[in-house]
Amino acid sequence: MHIEKGIARKKEGESVPYRYFRNTPDNSKLCVMLPGLGYTTDQPLFYYATGLFLEKGFDVLHVQYEHDNSSFIKLEREEQFEVISDDVEKVLGEVVSANKNTNIFMMAKSIGTGGLAHLFQKSKENLKITKVIWLNPLLQIDTLYDCLRSSRKESLLLTGNKDQYFVKERMSELADKRNFKTRILKGADHSLEHEDGIYQSIECMKVIMKEIDMFTNG
């Protein structure tokens, strides 16, 4: 396995770091991972999911956008989603081969789910995505929820009922969709860690990895 670190340049001169785990040459299988703001690709959910996908023979691409500055925080949610969407699109344009990567999974967490939804809206014909994993989507944002509700992509949605962005009614509607598999982890917060401490958080992590494992096999 080869790990490549790179930087994609946007028109505005801004840089978008990425990390690419190349499993085998000419690999058709790729998982693209989009983190949250305060939850990076080095943290447990992405660390273990990266290992899981590598074991399954996937290449893994971490899009490591960095937008925790005051100017980004002041933007409206939709504007934040657009910025992240542009970041992801730029990295994908430089790294992903449309001819080679024919089995692409997307895995996004928190604000990354908003960026991914925005990307889907503007690039409906260009993205050849096989499956999507949504971790703690910001369900109270109408445009993001509408994207999930109208999506035809095979999806796995995992969230916690103690997440401040959890909306029970909207989760129930998404659970009724044939192309969605949903799981609510009781006691889990926005980091998908358990309110009762580390051992329960480890159990949550086991459940999450098993769900992702089964989803990739399906």
Protein backbone atom coordinates (compact mmCIF):
# COMPACT_ATOMS: atom_id res chain seq x y z
CA MET A 1 0.00 0.00 0.00
CA HIS A 2 1.16 3.51 -0.88
CA ILE A 3 0.03 6.67 0.95
CA GLU A 4 0.06 9.85 -1.10
CA LYS A 5 -0.38 13.32 0.39
CA GLY A 6 -1.33 16.13 -1.94
CA ILE A 7 -2.90 19.55 -2.24
CA ALA A 8 -5.59 20.57 -4.72
CA ARG A 9 -5.66 24.24 -5.68
CA LYS A 10 -8.92 26.14 -6.13
CA LYS A 11 -9.37 29.09 -8.48
CA GLU A 12 -9.43 31.46 -5.51
CA GLY A 13 -5.93 30.30 -4.61
CA GLU A 14 -7.09 28.32 -1.60
CA SER A 15 -5.60 24.88 -1.00
CA VAL A 16 -7.42 21.65 -0.15
CA PRO A 17 -5.17 18.97 1.38
CA TYR A 18 -5.94 15.32 0.76
CA ARG A 19 -4.50 11.92 1.68
CA TYR A 20 -4.82 9.01 -0.73
CA PHE A 21 -4.32 5.41 0.38
CA ARG A 22 -3.57 3.41 -2.77
CA ASN A 23 -4.16 -0.28 -2.18
CA THR A 24 -3.33 -1.72 -5.59
CA PRO A 25 -2.52 -0.29 -9.03
CA ASP A 26 -5.53 0.33 -11.28
CA ASN A 27 -7.95 -0.31 -8.43
CA SER A 28 -11.59 0.23 -9.44
CA LYS A 29 -12.81 0.44 -5.83
CA LEU A 30 -12.57 3.74 -3.97
CA CYS A 31 -14.05 5.19 -0.78
CA VAL A 32 -13.99 8.99 -0.47
CA MET A 33 -14.24 10.28 3.12
CA LEU A 34 -15.49 13.76 4.09
CA PRO A 35 -15.03 14.74 7.74
CA GLY A 36 -16.80 17.25 9.93
CA LEU A 37 -15.28 20.51 11.09
CA GLY A 38 -14.01 19.48 14.50
CA TYR A 39 -13.94 15.78 13.66
CA THR A 40 -11.07 15.03 11.30
CA THR A 41 -10.17 11.95 9.27
CA ASP A 42 -7.60 11.07 11.96
CA GLN A 43 -10.29 10.49 14.57
CA PRO A 44 -11.82 7.09 15.47
CA LEU A 45 -14.75 6.81 13.04
CA PHE A 46 -12.60 7.54 10.00
CA TYR A 47 -9.52 5.75 11.34
CA TYR A 48 -11.32 2.45 11.76
CA ALA A 49 -13.48 2.86 8.66
CA THR A 50 -10.32 3.50 6.63
CA GLY A 51 -8.84 0.25 7.92
CA LEU A 52 -12.06 -1.59 7.13
CA PHE A 53 -12.20 -0.36 3.53
CA LEU A 54 -8.51 -1.09 2.99
CA GLU A 55 -9.05 -4.65 4.22
CA LYS A 56 -11.81 -4.98 1.64
CA GLY A 57 -9.44 -3.96 -1.14
CA PHE A 58 -10.59 -0.36 -1.59
CA ASP A 59 -8.42 2.66 -2.14
CA VAL A 60 -9.34 5.38 0.36
CA LEU A 61 -9.29 9.15 -0.23
CA HIS A 62 -9.45 11.59 2.71
CA VAL A 63 -10.52 15.10 1.72
CA GLN A 64 -8.96 17.17 4.51
CA TYR A 65 -10.58 20.59 4.12
CA GLU A 66 -9.80 22.99 6.94
CA HIS A 67 -12.55 25.51 7.60
CA ASP A 68 -12.57 26.19 11.32
CA ASN A 69 -11.71 29.86 10.88
CA SER A 70 -14.00 32.73 11.91
CA SER A 71 -14.85 33.79 8.34
CA PHE A 72 -16.19 30.31 7.51
CA ILE A 73 -18.12 30.03 10.76
CA LYS A 74 -19.91 33.29 9.97
CA LEU A 75 -21.26 31.94 6.68
CA GLU A 76 -24.81 30.67 6.37
CA ARG A 77 -25.12 26.88 6.35
CA GLU A 78 -25.89 26.76 2.64
CA GLU A 79 -22.78 28.82 1.91
CA GLN A 80 -20.70 26.48 4.07
CA PHE A 81 -22.06 23.49 2.18
CA GLU A 82 -21.15 25.14 -1.12
CA VAL A 83 -17.57 25.81 0.01
CA ILE A 84 -17.08 22.21 1.10
CA SER A 85 -18.72 20.95 -2.08
CA ASP A 86 -16.25 22.99 -4.12
CA ASP A 87 -13.36 21.56 -2.08
CA VAL A 88 -14.50 17.99 -2.66
CA GLU A 89 -15.16 18.55 -6.35
CA LYS A 90 -11.68 19.98 -6.83
CA VAL A 91 -9.97 17.02 -5.13
CA LEU A 92 -12.10 14.50 -7.01
CA GLY A 93 -11.27 16.22 -10.27
CA GLU A 94 -7.55 15.85 -9.63
CA VAL A 95 -7.48 12.38 -8.10
CA VAL A 96 -10.41 10.28 -9.29
CA SER A 97 -10.36 8.63 -12.69
CA ALA A 98 -13.81 8.27 -14.26
CA ASN A 99 -12.57 5.36 -16.35
CA LYS A 100 -10.75 3.51 -13.56
CA ASN A 101 -12.87 4.19 -10.45
CA THR A 102 -16.14 2.46 -11.29
CA ASN A 103 -17.09 1.41 -7.75
CA ILE A 104 -17.07 4.57 -5.62
CA PHE A 105 -18.39 4.85 -2.07
CA MET A 106 -18.81 8.21 -0.32
CA MET A 107 -18.67 8.50 3.47
CA ALA A 108 -19.47 11.87 5.04
CA LYS A 109 -19.95 13.13 8.57
CA SER A 110 -21.77 16.15 9.97
CA ILE A 111 -21.13 19.24 7.83
CA GLY A 112 -19.49 16.96 5.29
CA THR A 113 -22.94 15.49 4.62
CA GLY A 114 -24.12 18.97 3.65
CA GLY A 115 -21.20 19.42 1.30
CA LEU A 116 -21.89 16.02 -0.24
CA ALA A 117 -25.59 16.79 -0.68
CA HIS A 118 -24.72 20.06 -2.38
CA LEU A 119 -22.29 18.24 -4.65
CA PHE A 120 -24.99 15.75 -5.62
CA GLN A 121 -27.37 18.57 -6.49
CA LYS A 122 -24.99 20.30 -8.89
CA SER A 123 -23.23 17.24 -10.36
CA LYS A 124 -26.04 14.75 -10.84
CA GLU A 125 -24.76 13.39 -14.14
CA ASN A 126 -21.02 13.44 -13.43
CA LEU A 127 -20.75 11.45 -10.21
CA LYS A 128 -20.69 7.69 -10.58
CA ILE A 129 -21.35 6.85 -6.93
CA THR A 130 -22.23 3.29 -5.93
CA LYS A 131 -23.17 3.75 -2.26
CA VAL A 132 -23.23 6.50 0.38
CA ILE A 133 -22.64 6.41 4.12
CA TRP A 134 -24.16 9.35 6.02
CA LEU A 135 -22.86 9.86 9.58
CA ASN A 136 -24.74 12.35 11.75
CA PRO A 137 -26.30 14.32 8.88
CA LEU A 138 -27.59 17.77 9.83
CA LEU A 139 -31.21 16.74 9.52
CA GLN A 140 -32.66 20.06 10.66
CA ILE A 141 -31.34 21.73 7.48
CA ASP A 142 -34.20 21.52 4.98
CA THR A 143 -32.10 21.39 1.82
CA LEU A 144 -29.96 18.56 3.18
CA TYR A 145 -32.99 16.63 4.35
CA ASP A 146 -34.70 17.14 0.97
CA CYS A 147 -31.60 15.75 -0.76
CA LEU A 148 -31.66 12.65 1.44
CA ARG A 149 -35.38 12.20 0.94
CA SER A 150 -35.13 12.42 -2.85
CA SER A 151 -31.89 10.45 -3.20
CA ARG A 152 -32.02 7.17 -5.11
CA LYS A 153 -28.53 6.12 -4.12
CA GLU A 154 -28.17 3.10 -1.86
CA SER A 155 -27.46 4.63 1.52
CA LEU A 156 -26.54 3.81 5.10
CA LEU A 157 -27.44 6.47 7.67
CA LEU A 158 -26.05 6.26 11.20
CA THR A 159 -26.75 8.78 13.94
CA GLY A 160 -27.27 9.06 17.69
CA ASN A 161 -30.42 10.08 19.48
CA LYS A 162 -28.35 12.43 21.68
CA ASP A 163 -26.95 14.26 18.67
CA GLN A 164 -28.10 17.90 18.79
CA TYR A 165 -28.98 17.65 15.08
CA PHE A 166 -31.14 14.54 15.46
CA VAL A 167 -34.73 14.93 14.23
CA LYS A 168 -36.84 11.90 15.10
CA GLU A 169 -39.64 12.53 12.59
CA ARG A 170 -37.24 12.99 9.70
CA MET A 171 -35.29 9.88 10.62
CA SER A 172 -38.54 7.91 10.61
CA GLU A 173 -39.34 9.12 7.10
CA LEU A 174 -35.89 8.20 5.80
CA ALA A 175 -36.11 4.79 7.45
CA ASP A 176 -39.14 4.07 5.26
CA LYS A 177 -37.16 4.57 2.05
CA ARG A 178 -36.32 1.31 0.27
CA ASN A 179 -32.80 2.43 -0.65
CA PHE A 180 -31.95 3.56 2.91
CA LYS A 181 -30.70 1.51 5.83
CA THR A 182 -30.81 3.51 9.05
CA ARG A 183 -29.55 2.91 12.57
CA ILE A 184 -30.09 5.13 15.61
CA LEU A 185 -27.54 4.54 18.35
CA LYS A 186 -29.21 5.21 21.67
CA GLY A 187 -27.17 7.42 23.96
CA ALA A 188 -24.74 8.45 21.20
CA ASP A 189 -23.89 12.11 20.59
CA HIS A 190 -22.68 14.06 17.55
CA SER A 191 -19.33 12.27 17.65
CA LEU A 192 -21.20 8.96 17.87
CA GLU A 193 -19.71 8.50 21.32
CA HIS A 194 -21.88 7.28 24.19
CA GLU A 195 -22.96 9.51 27.06
CA ASP A 196 -22.11 6.74 29.57
CA GLY A 197 -18.38 6.80 28.87
CA ILE A 198 -15.56 5.08 27.03
CA TYR A 199 -16.66 1.44 27.23
CA GLN A 200 -20.11 2.20 25.85
CA SER A 201 -18.45 4.38 23.19
CA ILE A 202 -16.31 1.40 22.15
CA GLU A 203 -19.48 -0.69 21.86
CA CYS A 204 -20.98 2.02 19.65
CA MET A 205 -17.88 1.90 17.45
CA LYS A 206 -18.24 -1.87 17.09
CA VAL A 207 -21.87 -1.48 16.00
CA ILE A 208 -20.95 1.24 13.48
CA MET A 209 -18.13 -0.78 11.91
CA LYS A 210 -20.35 -3.87 11.67
CA GLU A 211 -23.05 -1.82 9.95
CA ILE A 212 -20.53 -0.41 7.47
CA ASP A 213 -19.07 -3.88 6.91
CA MET A 214 -22.48 -5.37 6.10
CA PHE A 215 -23.39 -2.39 3.92
CA THR A 216 -20.26 -2.77 1.79
CA ASN A 217 -20.97 -6.47 1.36
CA GLY A 218 -24.55 -5.97 0.26
